Amino acid sequence: MAMRVGVILSGCGFKDGSEIQEAVGILIALDRRGASVVCMAPDVPQSETLNHFTSQKEAHPRNVLHESARIARGKIVDLAGVKSADLDALIFPGGYGAAKNLCDFAAKGDQCHVLDDVKRLLMEMRGAGKPIGLACIAPVMAAAVFGAAGLSPQLTIGTDAQTAGAINAMGGVHHATGPADIYIDENNRLVTTPCYMNDVGPWVVYQGADKMVEAVLKMAGGGSR
């Protein structure tokens, strides 16, 4: 039976949503291994909308679920209706949407709040012993949620000192890694990789994403293909 893997998106475009190349790389890596993917996103307004050409803020609001549907080709569900029992594993691409829409780390740093449904599903997956993969800036959510629960999550976002310091301040333990490397926390069933936290190209990003997917599926019982 195919592994059922949830992919939580946070919009479309790295400045105010999911990093598209990371998200697509993760989806390709999952499809390559025969996983059954469930794309999902919260049905909430984006915290802000940016013009990706000018980097200027735009006045018209956008919806995280609706924007995420662009990446998922319309095959997406509301995060609120998903439970850990529906999945074998869960993966978060990065992009500023993870730090603006799924939590408010971009504004509040180590004092951030994680969206209730994201926190709920993270804790459900952890309680069920099911693996979670997080790319780029997304590991800060695991630091906030699992750190507050006293679980000392072991994570990487690469080598960015400021973000690593915030992870440690939230009760996580940061481990520096290379740009295409992963870090595995067996105790908390976490796999993290830096992706675009580094100044790299899409091939390096894909290698890290692919390794993360491989490790998550292996942890979930899918083995290597």
C-alpha atoms as a PDB file:
ATOM      1  CA  MET A   1       0.000   0.000   0.000  1.00  0.00           C
ATOM      2  CA  ALA A   2       1.296   3.464  -0.921  1.00  0.00           C
ATOM      3  CA  MET A   3       2.497   5.737   1.849  1.00  0.00           C
ATOM      4  CA  ARG A   4      -0.019   8.528   2.519  1.00  0.00           C
ATOM      5  CA  VAL A   5       1.985  11.732   2.864  1.00  0.00           C
ATOM      6  CA  GLY A   6       0.506  15.094   3.723  1.00  0.00           C
ATOM      7  CA  VAL A   7       2.211  18.170   2.270  1.00  0.00           C
ATOM      8  CA  ILE A   8       1.260  21.400   4.019  1.00  0.00           C
ATOM      9  CA  LEU A   9       1.474  24.426   1.748  1.00  0.00           C
ATOM     10  CA  SER A  10       1.381  28.060   2.843  1.00  0.00           C
ATOM     11  CA  GLY A  11       0.493  29.953  -0.314  1.00  0.00           C
ATOM     12  CA  CYS A  12       2.252  30.314  -3.668  1.00  0.00           C
ATOM     13  CA  GLY A  13       5.578  32.127  -3.975  1.00  0.00           C
ATOM     14  CA  PHE A  14       8.466  32.324  -1.544  1.00  0.00           C
ATOM     15  CA  LYS A  15       7.949  35.915  -0.390  1.00  0.00           C
ATOM     16  CA  ASP A  16       4.464  35.382   1.022  1.00  0.00           C
ATOM     17  CA  GLY A  17       3.731  31.669   0.563  1.00  0.00           C
ATOM     18  CA  SER A  18       5.343  28.318  -0.160  1.00  0.00           C
ATOM     19  CA  GLU A  19       8.695  28.279  -1.952  1.00  0.00           C
ATOM     20  CA  ILE A  20       7.569  26.838  -5.281  1.00  0.00           C
ATOM     21  CA  GLN A  21      10.791  25.045  -6.221  1.00  0.00           C
ATOM     22  CA  GLU A  22      11.003  23.408  -2.799  1.00  0.00           C
ATOM     23  CA  ALA A  23       7.339  22.379  -2.919  1.00  0.00           C
ATOM     24  CA  VAL A  24       7.576  20.972  -6.439  1.00  0.00           C
ATOM     25  CA  GLY A  25      10.849  19.188  -5.642  1.00  0.00           C
ATOM     26  CA  ILE A  26       9.212  17.526  -2.649  1.00  0.00           C
ATOM     27  CA  LEU A  27       6.184  16.524  -4.724  1.00  0.00           C
ATOM     28  CA  ILE A  28       8.428  15.043  -7.427  1.00  0.00           C
ATOM     29  CA  ALA A  29      10.475  13.140  -4.851  1.00  0.00           C
ATOM     30  CA  LEU A  30       7.292  11.719  -3.317  1.00  0.00           C
ATOM     31  CA  ASP A  31       5.762  10.804  -6.681  1.00  0.00           C
ATOM     32  CA  ARG A  32       9.001   9.134  -7.759  1.00  0.00           C
ATOM     33  CA  ARG A  33       8.699   6.817  -4.758  1.00  0.00           C
ATOM     34  CA  GLY A  34       5.051   6.008  -5.312  1.00  0.00           C
ATOM     35  CA  ALA A  35       3.666   7.930  -2.342  1.00  0.00           C
ATOM     36  CA  SER A  36       0.039   8.997  -2.238  1.00  0.00           C
ATOM     37  CA  VAL A  37       0.190  12.751  -1.664  1.00  0.00           C
ATOM     38  CA  VAL A  38      -2.432  14.802   0.139  1.00  0.00           C
ATOM     39  CA  CYS A  39      -1.793  18.510  -0.362  1.00  0.00           C
ATOM     40  CA  MET A  40      -3.388  20.717   2.264  1.00  0.00           C
ATOM     41  CA  ALA A  41      -3.363  24.293   3.512  1.00  0.00           C
ATOM     42  CA  PRO A  42      -5.233  26.363   6.084  1.00  0.00           C
ATOM     43  CA  ASP A  43      -8.299  28.237   4.841  1.00  0.00           C
ATOM     44  CA  VAL A  44      -7.123  31.595   6.217  1.00  0.00           C
ATOM     45  CA  PRO A  45      -6.096  34.978   4.771  1.00  0.00           C
ATOM     46  CA  GLN A  46      -2.420  35.497   3.993  1.00  0.00           C
ATOM     47  CA  SER A  47      -0.701  37.754   6.508  1.00  0.00           C
ATOM     48  CA  GLU A  48       0.334  39.966   3.591  1.00  0.00           C
ATOM     49  CA  THR A  49       0.518  39.887  -0.191  1.00  0.00           C
ATOM     50  CA  LEU A  50       3.733  40.811  -1.983  1.00  0.00           C
ATOM     51  CA  ASN A  51       4.420  41.516  -5.632  1.00  0.00           C
ATOM     52  CA  HIS A  52       7.124  38.992  -6.480  1.00  0.00           C
ATOM     53  CA  PHE A  53       8.561  41.251  -9.190  1.00  0.00           C
ATOM     54  CA  THR A  54       8.846  44.473  -7.195  1.00  0.00           C
ATOM     55  CA  SER A  55       8.816  43.027  -3.633  1.00  0.00           C
ATOM     56  CA  GLN A  56       6.252  45.707  -2.764  1.00  0.00           C
ATOM     57  CA  LYS A  57       3.186  44.992  -0.642  1.00  0.00           C
ATOM     58  CA  GLU A  58      -0.142  44.828  -2.445  1.00  0.00           C
ATOM     59  CA  ALA A  59      -3.447  45.905  -0.966  1.00  0.00           C
ATOM     60  CA  HIS A  60      -5.706  43.088  -2.168  1.00  0.00           C
ATOM     61  CA  PRO A  61      -5.915  40.133   0.234  1.00  0.00           C
ATOM     62  CA  ARG A  62      -5.293  36.529  -0.785  1.00  0.00           C
ATOM     63  CA  ASN A  63      -6.324  33.237   0.776  1.00  0.00           C
ATOM     64  CA  VAL A  64      -3.664  30.680   1.763  1.00  0.00           C
ATOM     65  CA  LEU A  65      -5.713  27.654   0.679  1.00  0.00           C
ATOM     66  CA  HIS A  66      -6.704  29.197  -2.648  1.00  0.00           C
ATOM     67  CA  GLU A  67      -3.154  30.300  -3.468  1.00  0.00           C
ATOM     68  CA  SER A  68      -1.722  26.920  -2.451  1.00  0.00           C
ATOM     69  CA  ALA A  69      -4.116  25.271  -4.908  1.00  0.00           C
ATOM     70  CA  ARG A  70      -1.996  26.754  -7.704  1.00  0.00           C
ATOM     71  CA  ILE A  71       0.897  24.478  -6.742  1.00  0.00           C
ATOM     72  CA  ALA A  72      -1.344  21.472  -6.081  1.00  0.00           C
ATOM     73  CA  ARG A  73      -3.130  21.833  -9.447  1.00  0.00           C
ATOM     74  CA  GLY A  74      -6.375  22.252  -7.542  1.00  0.00           C
ATOM     75  CA  LYS A  75      -6.077  18.937  -5.685  1.00  0.00           C
ATOM     76  CA  ILE A  76      -5.927  20.266  -2.153  1.00  0.00           C
ATOM     77  CA  VAL A  77      -7.918  20.051   1.076  1.00  0.00           C
ATOM     78  CA  ASP A  78      -8.485  22.302   4.060  1.00  0.00           C
ATOM     79  CA  LEU A  79      -5.971  21.509   6.789  1.00  0.00           C
ATOM     80  CA  ALA A  80      -8.703  21.774   9.419  1.00  0.00           C
ATOM     81  CA  GLY A  81     -10.256  18.505   8.266  1.00  0.00           C
ATOM     82  CA  VAL A  82      -7.057  16.415   8.282  1.00  0.00           C
ATOM     83  CA  LYS A  83      -6.101  14.158  11.176  1.00  0.00           C
ATOM     84  CA  SER A  84      -2.974  12.107  11.817  1.00  0.00           C
ATOM     85  CA  ALA A  85      -5.008   8.945  11.234  1.00  0.00           C
ATOM     86  CA  ASP A  86      -5.356  10.030   7.591  1.00  0.00           C
ATOM     87  CA  LEU A  87      -1.583  10.082   7.042  1.00  0.00           C
ATOM     88  CA  ASP A  88       1.582   8.021   7.353  1.00  0.00           C
ATOM     89  CA  ALA A  89       3.868  11.070   7.232  1.00  0.00           C
ATOM     90  CA  LEU A  90       3.760  14.862   7.008  1.00  0.00           C
ATOM     91  CA  ILE A  91       6.040  17.277   5.126  1.00  0.00           C
ATOM     92  CA  PHE A  92       6.377  21.074   5.117  1.00  0.00           C
ATOM     93  CA  PRO A  93       8.099  22.945   2.276  1.00  0.00           C
ATOM     94  CA  GLY A  94       9.624  26.286   3.231  1.00  0.00           C
ATOM     95  CA  GLY A  95       9.108  29.792   1.914  1.00  0.00           C
ATOM     96  CA  TYR A  96       8.199  32.855   3.959  1.00  0.00           C
ATOM     97  CA  GLY A  97       4.592  31.665   3.996  1.00  0.00           C
ATOM     98  CA  ALA A  98       5.653  29.068   6.560  1.00  0.00           C
ATOM     99  CA  ALA A  99       6.923  31.888   8.767  1.00  0.00           C
ATOM    100  CA  LYS A 100       4.092  34.330   7.997  1.00  0.00           C
ATOM    101  CA  ASN A 101       0.939  32.259   7.406  1.00  0.00           C
ATOM    102  CA  LEU A 102       1.498  28.964   9.263  1.00  0.00           C
ATOM    103  CA  CYS A 103       3.101  30.819  12.159  1.00  0.00           C
ATOM    104  CA  ASP A 104       4.239  34.394  12.828  1.00  0.00           C
ATOM    105  CA  PHE A 105       7.957  33.705  13.223  1.00  0.00           C
ATOM    106  CA  ALA A 106       8.806  36.334  10.592  1.00  0.00           C
ATOM    107  CA  ALA A 107       7.310  39.022  12.837  1.00  0.00           C
ATOM    108  CA  LYS A 108       7.866  37.664  16.340  1.00  0.00           C
ATOM    109  CA  GLY A 109      10.913  35.392  16.146  1.00  0.00           C
ATOM    110  CA  ASP A 110      11.297  33.056  19.116  1.00  0.00           C
ATOM    111  CA  GLN A 111       8.073  34.448  20.625  1.00  0.00           C
ATOM    112  CA  CYS A 112       6.054  33.179  17.663  1.00  0.00           C
ATOM    113  CA  HIS A 113       2.641  31.524  17.701  1.00  0.00           C
ATOM    114  CA  VAL A 114       1.948  28.537  15.447  1.00  0.00           C
ATOM    115  CA  LEU A 115      -1.450  28.316  13.741  1.00  0.00           C
ATOM    116  CA  ASP A 116      -3.737  26.122  15.850  1.00  0.00           C
ATOM    117  CA  ASP A 117      -4.410  23.484  13.179  1.00  0.00           C
ATOM    118  CA  VAL A 118      -0.702  23.241  12.337  1.00  0.00           C
ATOM    119  CA  LYS A 119       0.137  22.790  16.013  1.00  0.00           C
ATOM    120  CA  ARG A 120      -2.649  20.244  16.419  1.00  0.00           C
ATOM    121  CA  LEU A 121      -1.508  18.116  13.493  1.00  0.00           C
ATOM    122  CA  LEU A 122       2.146  18.304  14.524  1.00  0.00           C
ATOM    123  CA  MET A 123       1.285  17.064  18.006  1.00  0.00           C
ATOM    124  CA  GLU A 124      -1.025  14.365  16.649  1.00  0.00           C
ATOM    125  CA  MET A 125       1.696  13.079  14.316  1.00  0.00           C
ATOM    126  CA  ARG A 126       4.268  13.117  17.131  1.00  0.00           C
ATOM    127  CA  GLY A 127       1.856  11.290  19.440  1.00  0.00           C
ATOM    128  CA  ALA A 128       1.232   8.630  16.795  1.00  0.00           C
ATOM    129  CA  GLY A 129       4.969   8.181  16.150  1.00  0.00           C
ATOM    130  CA  LYS A 130       4.604   9.271  12.532  1.00  0.00           C
ATOM    131  CA  PRO A 131       7.480  11.129  10.815  1.00  0.00           C
ATOM    132  CA  ILE A 132       7.540  14.800   9.890  1.00  0.00           C
ATOM    133  CA  GLY A 133       9.811  16.437   7.321  1.00  0.00           C
ATOM    134  CA  LEU A 134      10.468  20.180   7.306  1.00  0.00           C
ATOM    135  CA  ALA A 135      12.434  22.204   4.762  1.00  0.00           C
ATOM    136  CA  CYS A 136      14.062  25.634   4.792  1.00  0.00           C
ATOM    137  CA  ILE A 137      12.508  27.930   7.457  1.00  0.00           C
ATOM    138  CA  ALA A 138       9.717  25.458   8.335  1.00  0.00           C
ATOM    139  CA  PRO A 139      11.715  23.766  11.169  1.00  0.00           C
ATOM    140  CA  VAL A 140      11.043  26.818  13.348  1.00  0.00           C
ATOM    141  CA  MET A 141       7.480  25.526  13.751  1.00  0.00           C
ATOM    142  CA  ALA A 142       8.728  22.220  15.124  1.00  0.00           C
ATOM    143  CA  ALA A 143      11.017  24.137  17.471  1.00  0.00           C
ATOM    144  CA  ALA A 144       8.119  26.245  18.734  1.00  0.00           C
ATOM    145  CA  VAL A 145       5.612  23.412  19.152  1.00  0.00           C
ATOM    146  CA  PHE A 146       7.833  20.586  20.381  1.00  0.00           C
ATOM    147  CA  GLY A 147      10.177  22.882  22.265  1.00  0.00           C
ATOM    148  CA  ALA A 148       7.254  24.234  24.314  1.00  0.00           C
ATOM    149  CA  ALA A 149       6.278  20.641  25.094  1.00  0.00           C
ATOM    150  CA  GLY A 150       9.754  19.933  26.478  1.00  0.00           C
ATOM    151  CA  LEU A 151      10.629  17.472  23.695  1.00  0.00           C
ATOM    152  CA  SER A 152      13.968  19.106  22.714  1.00  0.00           C
ATOM    153  CA  PRO A 153      13.550  18.725  18.922  1.00  0.00           C
ATOM    154  CA  GLN A 154      16.840  18.304  17.040  1.00  0.00           C
ATOM    155  CA  LEU A 155      16.740  20.395  13.866  1.00  0.00           C
ATOM    156  CA  THR A 156      18.691  22.068  11.094  1.00  0.00           C
ATOM    157  CA  ILE A 157      18.136  25.124   8.944  1.00  0.00           C
ATOM    158  CA  GLY A 158      21.747  24.962   7.700  1.00  0.00           C
ATOM    159  CA  THR A 159      24.120  27.526   9.163  1.00  0.00           C
ATOM    160  CA  ASP A 160      22.078  30.738   9.566  1.00  0.00           C
ATOM    161  CA  ALA A 161      23.133  31.898  13.033  1.00  0.00           C
ATOM    162  CA  GLN A 162      20.117  34.108  13.799  1.00  0.00           C
ATOM    163  CA  THR A 163      17.521  31.451  12.957  1.00  0.00           C
ATOM    164  CA  ALA A 164      19.576  28.763  14.695  1.00  0.00           C
ATOM    165  CA  GLY A 165      19.659  30.942  17.808  1.00  0.00           C
ATOM    166  CA  ALA A 166      15.877  31.340  17.704  1.00  0.00           C
ATOM    167  CA  ILE A 167      15.440  27.571  17.408  1.00  0.00           C
ATOM    168  CA  ASN A 168      17.587  27.062  20.485  1.00  0.00           C
ATOM    169  CA  ALA A 169      15.720  29.810  22.360  1.00  0.00           C
ATOM    170  CA  MET A 170      12.410  28.026  21.684  1.00  0.00           C
ATOM    171  CA  GLY A 171      13.668  24.791  23.244  1.00  0.00           C
ATOM    172  CA  GLY A 172      15.007  23.114  20.128  1.00  0.00           C
ATOM    173  CA  VAL A 173      18.594  22.074  19.464  1.00  0.00           C
ATOM    174  CA  HIS A 174      20.053  23.308  16.199  1.00  0.00           C
ATOM    175  CA  HIS A 175      22.660  21.308  14.247  1.00  0.00           C
ATOM    176  CA  ALA A 176      24.629  22.989  11.473  1.00  0.00           C
ATOM    177  CA  THR A 177      24.629  21.064   8.188  1.00  0.00           C
ATOM    178  CA  GLY A 178      25.675  21.496   4.587  1.00  0.00           C
ATOM    179  CA  PRO A 179      23.198  22.962   2.079  1.00  0.00           C
ATOM    180  CA  ALA A 180      22.094  19.598   0.629  1.00  0.00           C
ATOM    181  CA  ASP A 181      22.270  17.650   3.895  1.00  0.00           C
ATOM    182  CA  ILE A 182      19.550  16.483   6.287  1.00  0.00           C
ATOM    183  CA  TYR A 183      19.372  16.060  10.034  1.00  0.00           C
ATOM    184  CA  ILE A 184      17.371  13.208  11.542  1.00  0.00           C
ATOM    185  CA  ASP A 185      15.868  13.342  15.028  1.00  0.00           C
ATOM    186  CA  GLU A 186      14.914   9.726  15.658  1.00  0.00           C
ATOM    187  CA  ASN A 187      13.308  10.428  19.015  1.00  0.00           C
ATOM    188  CA  ASN A 188      10.856  13.023  17.684  1.00  0.00           C
ATOM    189  CA  ARG A 189      10.618  11.454  14.204  1.00  0.00           C
ATOM    190  CA  LEU A 190      11.804  14.641  12.489  1.00  0.00           C
ATOM    191  CA  VAL A 191      13.815  15.112   9.291  1.00  0.00           C
ATOM    192  CA  THR A 192      14.963  18.617   8.369  1.00  0.00           C
ATOM    193  CA  THR A 193      16.970  20.136   5.506  1.00  0.00           C
ATOM    194  CA  PRO A 194      18.092  23.729   4.719  1.00  0.00           C
ATOM    195  CA  CYS A 195      17.045  24.141   1.050  1.00  0.00           C
ATOM    196  CA  TYR A 196      16.865  27.891   0.277  1.00  0.00           C
ATOM    197  CA  MET A 197      18.117  28.951   3.693  1.00  0.00           C
ATOM    198  CA  ASN A 198      21.377  28.913   1.710  1.00  0.00           C
ATOM    199  CA  ASP A 199      22.374  30.905  -1.361  1.00  0.00           C
ATOM    200  CA  VAL A 200      22.130  27.907  -3.685  1.00  0.00           C
ATOM    201  CA  GLY A 201      20.407  26.849  -6.888  1.00  0.00           C
ATOM    202  CA  PRO A 202      17.450  24.529  -7.458  1.00  0.00           C
ATOM    203  CA  TRP A 203      19.600  21.437  -8.030  1.00  0.00           C
ATOM    204  CA  VAL A 204      21.115  21.688  -4.545  1.00  0.00           C
ATOM    205  CA  VAL A 205      17.661  22.379  -3.115  1.00  0.00           C
ATOM    206  CA  TYR A 206      16.256  19.318  -4.835  1.00  0.00           C
ATOM    207  CA  GLN A 207      19.034  17.079  -3.516  1.00  0.00           C
ATOM    208  CA  GLY A 208      18.239  18.087   0.063  1.00  0.00           C
ATOM    209  CA  ALA A 209      14.497  17.722  -0.507  1.00  0.00           C
ATOM    210  CA  ASP A 210      14.992  14.304  -2.083  1.00  0.00           C
ATOM    211  CA  LYS A 211      17.110  13.087   0.838  1.00  0.00           C
ATOM    212  CA  MET A 212      14.505  14.378   3.279  1.00  0.00           C
ATOM    213  CA  VAL A 213      11.686  12.575   1.468  1.00  0.00           C
ATOM    214  CA  GLU A 214      13.729   9.365   1.341  1.00  0.00           C
ATOM    215  CA  ALA A 215      14.386   9.516   5.087  1.00  0.00           C
ATOM    216  CA  VAL A 216      10.770  10.373   5.948  1.00  0.00           C
ATOM    217  CA  LEU A 217       9.387   7.472   3.904  1.00  0.00           C
ATOM    218  CA  LYS A 218      11.952   5.078   5.360  1.00  0.00           C
ATOM    219  CA  MET A 219      10.936   6.209   8.853  1.00  0.00           C
ATOM    220  CA  ALA A 220       7.274   5.733   7.934  1.00  0.00           C
ATOM    221  CA  GLY A 221       7.956   2.162   6.850  1.00  0.00           C
ATOM    222  CA  GLY A 222       8.160   2.680   3.122  1.00  0.00           C
ATOM    223  CA  GLY A 223      11.814   1.781   2.825  1.00  0.00           C
ATOM    224  CA  SER A 224      14.070   2.922  -0.049  1.00  0.00           C
ATOM    225  CA  ARG A 225      13.192   2.817  -3.732  1.00  0.00           C
END
